[in-house]
N, C-alpha and C. Protein backbone atom coordinates (compact mmCIF):
# COMPACT_ATOMS: atom_id res chain seq x y z
N UNK A 1 -34.83 19.60 98.02
CA UNK A 1 -33.48 20.07 98.22
C UNK A 1 -33.46 20.93 99.49
N UNK A 2 -32.82 20.42 100.51
CA UNK A 2 -32.73 21.16 101.76
C UNK A 2 -31.31 21.67 101.95
N UNK A 3 -31.21 22.95 102.24
CA UNK A 3 -29.91 23.53 102.54
C UNK A 3 -30.12 24.60 103.60
N UNK A 4 -29.05 24.94 104.26
CA UNK A 4 -29.07 25.87 105.39
C UNK A 4 -29.41 27.28 104.92
N UNK A 5 -30.61 27.74 105.25
CA UNK A 5 -31.06 29.09 104.82
C UNK A 5 -30.28 30.20 105.52
N UNK A 6 -29.85 29.94 106.74
CA UNK A 6 -29.03 30.93 107.45
C UNK A 6 -27.68 31.12 106.76
N UNK A 7 -27.09 30.02 106.32
CA UNK A 7 -25.84 30.09 105.59
C UNK A 7 -26.05 30.78 104.25
N UNK A 8 -27.19 30.54 103.62
CA UNK A 8 -27.52 31.23 102.37
C UNK A 8 -27.54 32.75 102.59
N UNK A 9 -28.17 33.19 103.66
CA UNK A 9 -28.24 34.63 103.96
C UNK A 9 -26.83 35.21 104.16
N UNK A 10 -26.00 34.47 104.86
CA UNK A 10 -24.63 34.95 105.11
C UNK A 10 -23.83 35.05 103.81
N UNK A 11 -23.99 34.07 102.91
CA UNK A 11 -23.29 34.12 101.64
C UNK A 11 -23.82 35.25 100.77
N UNK A 12 -25.13 35.44 100.75
CA UNK A 12 -25.71 36.54 99.97
C UNK A 12 -25.19 37.89 100.47
N UNK A 13 -25.05 38.02 101.77
CA UNK A 13 -24.50 39.25 102.34
C UNK A 13 -23.04 39.43 101.92
N UNK A 14 -22.27 38.35 101.97
CA UNK A 14 -20.85 38.41 101.59
C UNK A 14 -20.69 38.84 100.12
N UNK A 15 -21.52 38.27 99.24
CA UNK A 15 -21.41 38.54 97.81
C UNK A 15 -22.22 39.74 97.34
N UNK A 16 -22.87 40.43 98.26
CA UNK A 16 -23.73 41.57 97.92
C UNK A 16 -22.96 42.58 97.06
N UNK A 17 -23.61 43.02 95.99
CA UNK A 17 -23.03 44.05 95.14
C UNK A 17 -22.13 43.52 94.03
N UNK A 18 -21.96 42.21 93.95
CA UNK A 18 -21.13 41.64 92.88
C UNK A 18 -21.99 41.41 91.64
N UNK A 19 -21.77 42.17 90.58
CA UNK A 19 -22.58 42.00 89.37
C UNK A 19 -22.32 40.68 88.65
N UNK A 20 -21.18 40.03 88.94
CA UNK A 20 -20.84 38.77 88.28
C UNK A 20 -21.37 37.54 89.01
N UNK A 21 -22.15 37.75 90.07
CA UNK A 21 -22.69 36.65 90.87
C UNK A 21 -23.94 36.07 90.23
N UNK A 22 -24.00 34.74 90.20
CA UNK A 22 -25.20 34.02 89.79
C UNK A 22 -25.41 32.92 90.83
N UNK A 23 -26.62 32.71 91.24
CA UNK A 23 -26.95 31.69 92.23
C UNK A 23 -27.93 30.72 91.58
N UNK A 24 -27.58 29.42 91.61
CA UNK A 24 -28.40 28.39 90.97
C UNK A 24 -28.54 27.19 91.88
N UNK A 25 -29.65 26.49 91.74
CA UNK A 25 -29.82 25.23 92.44
C UNK A 25 -29.07 24.15 91.66
N UNK A 26 -28.07 23.58 92.31
CA UNK A 26 -27.23 22.54 91.71
C UNK A 26 -26.69 21.63 92.81
N UNK A 27 -26.30 20.41 92.43
CA UNK A 27 -25.66 19.47 93.36
C UNK A 27 -26.51 19.21 94.60
N UNK A 28 -27.81 19.33 94.48
CA UNK A 28 -28.68 19.12 95.64
C UNK A 28 -28.60 20.26 96.64
N UNK A 29 -28.09 21.39 96.21
CA UNK A 29 -27.95 22.54 97.10
C UNK A 29 -28.04 23.83 96.32
N UNK A 30 -27.37 24.85 96.83
CA UNK A 30 -27.40 26.17 96.23
C UNK A 30 -25.98 26.56 95.84
N UNK A 31 -25.78 26.77 94.53
CA UNK A 31 -24.45 27.02 93.97
C UNK A 31 -24.26 28.52 93.72
N UNK A 32 -23.12 29.03 94.13
CA UNK A 32 -22.74 30.43 93.91
C UNK A 32 -21.65 30.44 92.84
N UNK A 33 -21.93 31.14 91.73
CA UNK A 33 -21.00 31.22 90.62
C UNK A 33 -20.55 32.67 90.45
N UNK A 34 -19.27 32.83 90.11
CA UNK A 34 -18.72 34.15 89.82
C UNK A 34 -18.23 34.13 88.38
N UNK A 35 -18.75 35.03 87.57
CA UNK A 35 -18.41 35.09 86.14
C UNK A 35 -18.55 33.71 85.50
N UNK A 36 -19.62 33.02 85.87
CA UNK A 36 -19.98 31.69 85.35
C UNK A 36 -19.07 30.56 85.84
N UNK A 37 -18.17 30.84 86.77
CA UNK A 37 -17.31 29.81 87.36
C UNK A 37 -17.86 29.43 88.73
N UNK A 38 -18.02 28.12 88.96
CA UNK A 38 -18.49 27.67 90.26
C UNK A 38 -17.49 28.10 91.33
N UNK A 39 -18.03 28.66 92.40
CA UNK A 39 -17.20 29.15 93.49
C UNK A 39 -17.42 28.26 94.73
N UNK A 40 -18.67 28.15 95.16
CA UNK A 40 -18.99 27.34 96.34
C UNK A 40 -20.45 26.91 96.25
N UNK A 41 -20.79 25.88 97.06
CA UNK A 41 -22.14 25.34 97.06
C UNK A 41 -22.54 25.03 98.49
N UNK A 42 -23.74 25.44 98.87
CA UNK A 42 -24.30 25.04 100.17
C UNK A 42 -24.97 23.69 99.94
N UNK A 43 -24.51 22.67 100.64
CA UNK A 43 -25.08 21.33 100.56
C UNK A 43 -25.48 20.94 101.99
N UNK A 44 -26.77 20.94 102.25
CA UNK A 44 -27.24 20.70 103.62
C UNK A 44 -26.78 21.84 104.50
N UNK A 45 -26.01 21.51 105.53
CA UNK A 45 -25.48 22.56 106.40
C UNK A 45 -23.97 22.73 106.22
N UNK A 46 -23.45 22.14 105.13
CA UNK A 46 -22.02 22.25 104.84
C UNK A 46 -21.80 23.17 103.64
N UNK A 47 -20.56 23.58 103.48
CA UNK A 47 -20.19 24.40 102.34
C UNK A 47 -19.16 23.62 101.51
N UNK A 48 -19.47 23.44 100.24
CA UNK A 48 -18.53 22.84 99.31
C UNK A 48 -17.74 24.00 98.71
N UNK A 49 -16.43 23.99 98.92
CA UNK A 49 -15.57 25.12 98.56
C UNK A 49 -14.61 24.69 97.45
N UNK A 50 -14.57 25.47 96.40
CA UNK A 50 -13.65 25.20 95.29
C UNK A 50 -12.31 25.84 95.62
N UNK A 51 -11.30 24.99 95.87
CA UNK A 51 -9.99 25.48 96.28
C UNK A 51 -8.95 25.35 95.19
N UNK A 52 -9.22 24.58 94.16
CA UNK A 52 -8.27 24.36 93.08
C UNK A 52 -7.29 23.25 93.42
N UNK A 53 -6.57 22.75 92.41
CA UNK A 53 -5.68 21.60 92.62
C UNK A 53 -4.37 21.93 93.33
N UNK A 54 -3.86 23.13 93.15
CA UNK A 54 -2.54 23.49 93.67
C UNK A 54 -2.47 23.40 95.20
N UNK A 55 -3.44 23.96 95.88
CA UNK A 55 -3.42 24.01 97.35
C UNK A 55 -4.43 23.06 97.98
N UNK A 56 -4.90 22.08 97.22
CA UNK A 56 -5.92 21.16 97.70
C UNK A 56 -5.52 20.51 99.04
N UNK A 57 -4.34 19.93 99.11
CA UNK A 57 -3.91 19.22 100.32
C UNK A 57 -3.84 20.16 101.52
N UNK A 58 -3.40 21.38 101.29
CA UNK A 58 -3.30 22.38 102.37
C UNK A 58 -4.69 22.65 102.97
N UNK A 59 -5.68 22.84 102.11
CA UNK A 59 -7.02 23.15 102.61
C UNK A 59 -7.72 21.92 103.16
N UNK A 60 -7.43 20.77 102.62
CA UNK A 60 -8.01 19.53 103.12
C UNK A 60 -7.54 19.25 104.55
N UNK A 61 -6.34 19.70 104.90
CA UNK A 61 -5.78 19.48 106.23
C UNK A 61 -6.34 20.44 107.28
N UNK A 62 -7.09 21.43 106.87
CA UNK A 62 -7.64 22.41 107.83
C UNK A 62 -8.75 21.77 108.66
N UNK A 63 -8.96 22.30 109.88
CA UNK A 63 -10.03 21.76 110.73
C UNK A 63 -11.39 21.88 110.04
N UNK A 64 -12.19 20.85 110.19
CA UNK A 64 -13.57 20.78 109.70
C UNK A 64 -13.67 20.57 108.19
N UNK A 65 -12.54 20.40 107.49
CA UNK A 65 -12.56 20.15 106.04
C UNK A 65 -12.44 18.65 105.80
N UNK A 66 -13.09 18.20 104.72
CA UNK A 66 -12.96 16.80 104.31
C UNK A 66 -13.08 16.72 102.79
N UNK A 67 -12.74 15.55 102.27
CA UNK A 67 -12.80 15.35 100.82
C UNK A 67 -14.19 15.60 100.28
N UNK A 68 -14.25 16.17 99.10
CA UNK A 68 -15.51 16.32 98.39
C UNK A 68 -15.66 15.05 97.56
N UNK A 69 -16.58 14.20 97.99
CA UNK A 69 -16.75 12.90 97.35
C UNK A 69 -18.18 12.71 96.87
N UNK A 70 -18.74 13.73 96.30
CA UNK A 70 -20.14 13.75 95.87
C UNK A 70 -20.46 12.58 94.94
N UNK A 71 -19.52 12.20 94.10
CA UNK A 71 -19.73 11.12 93.13
C UNK A 71 -19.22 9.78 93.64
N UNK A 72 -18.70 9.73 94.85
CA UNK A 72 -18.11 8.51 95.38
C UNK A 72 -16.60 8.47 95.18
N UNK A 73 -16.09 9.38 94.39
CA UNK A 73 -14.65 9.49 94.14
C UNK A 73 -14.24 10.92 94.50
N UNK A 74 -13.18 11.08 95.30
CA UNK A 74 -12.77 12.44 95.69
C UNK A 74 -12.43 13.30 94.48
N UNK A 75 -12.89 14.53 94.53
CA UNK A 75 -12.56 15.52 93.51
C UNK A 75 -11.52 16.43 94.13
N UNK A 76 -10.32 16.41 93.59
CA UNK A 76 -9.17 17.05 94.21
C UNK A 76 -9.05 18.54 93.90
N UNK A 77 -10.18 19.20 93.76
CA UNK A 77 -10.20 20.65 93.59
C UNK A 77 -11.20 21.30 94.53
N UNK A 78 -11.94 20.44 95.28
CA UNK A 78 -12.98 20.95 96.16
C UNK A 78 -12.95 20.22 97.49
N UNK A 79 -13.37 20.91 98.54
CA UNK A 79 -13.50 20.30 99.86
C UNK A 79 -14.85 20.66 100.46
N UNK A 80 -15.35 19.79 101.30
CA UNK A 80 -16.52 20.11 102.12
C UNK A 80 -16.00 20.71 103.42
N UNK A 81 -16.69 21.74 103.89
CA UNK A 81 -16.38 22.32 105.20
C UNK A 81 -17.62 22.14 106.06
N UNK A 82 -17.47 21.45 107.19
CA UNK A 82 -18.58 21.19 108.10
C UNK A 82 -19.07 22.48 108.73
N UNK A 83 -20.32 22.48 109.15
CA UNK A 83 -20.92 23.68 109.74
C UNK A 83 -20.13 24.19 110.94
N UNK A 84 -19.49 23.29 111.68
CA UNK A 84 -18.69 23.72 112.83
C UNK A 84 -17.53 24.61 112.42
N UNK A 85 -17.08 24.51 111.16
CA UNK A 85 -15.99 25.33 110.67
C UNK A 85 -16.45 26.62 110.02
N UNK A 86 -17.76 26.89 110.12
CA UNK A 86 -18.33 28.09 109.49
C UNK A 86 -19.09 28.96 110.48
N UNK A 87 -18.95 28.66 111.77
CA UNK A 87 -19.76 29.33 112.78
C UNK A 87 -19.51 30.82 112.87
N UNK A 88 -18.25 31.22 112.85
CA UNK A 88 -17.97 32.66 112.96
C UNK A 88 -17.85 33.27 111.56
N UNK A 89 -18.08 34.57 111.49
CA UNK A 89 -17.92 35.26 110.21
C UNK A 89 -16.47 35.18 109.74
N UNK A 90 -15.55 35.21 110.67
CA UNK A 90 -14.13 35.11 110.31
C UNK A 90 -13.83 33.78 109.63
N UNK A 91 -14.36 32.68 110.18
CA UNK A 91 -14.15 31.37 109.57
C UNK A 91 -14.78 31.30 108.18
N UNK A 92 -16.03 31.71 108.09
CA UNK A 92 -16.73 31.67 106.80
C UNK A 92 -16.03 32.55 105.78
N UNK A 93 -15.70 33.77 106.15
CA UNK A 93 -15.04 34.70 105.22
C UNK A 93 -13.69 34.17 104.77
N UNK A 94 -13.00 33.46 105.65
CA UNK A 94 -11.72 32.85 105.26
C UNK A 94 -11.90 31.84 104.15
N UNK A 95 -12.90 30.97 104.29
CA UNK A 95 -13.17 29.98 103.24
C UNK A 95 -13.67 30.66 101.97
N UNK A 96 -14.51 31.65 102.11
CA UNK A 96 -15.03 32.34 100.92
C UNK A 96 -13.92 33.07 100.18
N UNK A 97 -12.98 33.64 100.88
CA UNK A 97 -11.88 34.33 100.20
C UNK A 97 -11.05 33.34 99.38
N UNK A 98 -10.93 32.10 99.87
CA UNK A 98 -10.19 31.07 99.13
C UNK A 98 -10.90 30.75 97.82
N UNK A 99 -12.20 30.48 97.88
CA UNK A 99 -12.90 30.08 96.65
C UNK A 99 -13.09 31.26 95.70
N UNK A 100 -13.26 32.45 96.22
CA UNK A 100 -13.36 33.63 95.36
C UNK A 100 -12.03 33.85 94.63
N UNK A 101 -10.93 33.75 95.34
CA UNK A 101 -9.61 33.92 94.71
C UNK A 101 -9.41 32.90 93.60
N UNK A 102 -9.80 31.66 93.86
CA UNK A 102 -9.62 30.65 92.82
C UNK A 102 -10.52 30.93 91.63
N UNK A 103 -11.78 31.24 91.86
CA UNK A 103 -12.71 31.51 90.76
C UNK A 103 -12.24 32.70 89.93
N UNK A 104 -11.72 33.71 90.60
CA UNK A 104 -11.25 34.91 89.89
C UNK A 104 -9.96 34.65 89.11
N UNK A 105 -9.24 33.59 89.44
CA UNK A 105 -8.00 33.28 88.74
C UNK A 105 -8.24 32.54 87.42
N UNK A 106 -9.46 32.09 87.20
CA UNK A 106 -9.78 31.31 86.00
C UNK A 106 -10.02 32.22 84.80
N UNK A 107 -9.69 31.73 83.61
CA UNK A 107 -9.91 32.55 82.41
C UNK A 107 -11.40 32.71 82.14
N UNK A 108 -11.77 33.75 81.42
CA UNK A 108 -13.19 33.94 81.09
C UNK A 108 -13.74 32.74 80.33
N UNK A 109 -14.99 32.43 80.59
CA UNK A 109 -15.65 31.33 79.86
C UNK A 109 -15.97 31.77 78.44
N UNK A 110 -15.89 30.83 77.54
CA UNK A 110 -16.28 31.10 76.15
C UNK A 110 -17.79 31.19 76.07
N UNK A 111 -18.28 32.05 75.20
CA UNK A 111 -19.74 32.10 75.02
C UNK A 111 -20.26 30.75 74.53
N UNK A 112 -21.42 30.37 75.03
CA UNK A 112 -22.02 29.10 74.62
C UNK A 112 -22.60 29.25 73.22
N UNK A 113 -22.36 28.23 72.41
CA UNK A 113 -22.93 28.22 71.07
C UNK A 113 -24.38 27.77 71.15
N UNK A 114 -25.22 28.43 70.42
CA UNK A 114 -26.64 28.06 70.41
C UNK A 114 -26.88 27.05 69.31
N UNK A 115 -27.67 26.06 69.63
CA UNK A 115 -28.05 25.04 68.67
C UNK A 115 -29.06 25.65 67.70
N UNK A 116 -28.77 25.57 66.42
CA UNK A 116 -29.65 26.22 65.44
C UNK A 116 -30.57 25.22 64.73
N UNK A 117 -31.02 24.22 65.42
CA UNK A 117 -31.93 23.25 64.82
C UNK A 117 -33.32 23.78 64.71
């Protein structure tokens, strides 16, 4: 699993101090979760950003964004952002604020039931 380590450092700096942050290897990259909700994923040198269904078309139309088609079928709640759209801290922080806002708008996850076999 290869992903941009420099982008990882920048995301870790952005999320520094958040007690609800969890980072896991997922989707062939590195997934950042807030309160157990997927927020964004570093895939190669791109960032997969969870934007939600309401404003999907708006964010898809932004420069350097494209459909998230990880499974071969577009998922209309996430977009890929090419590395060219993440070069400045302002660009990256803009995308991160979008996915953080969406993740924070979601209801708390239910506790997972443990299998008692």
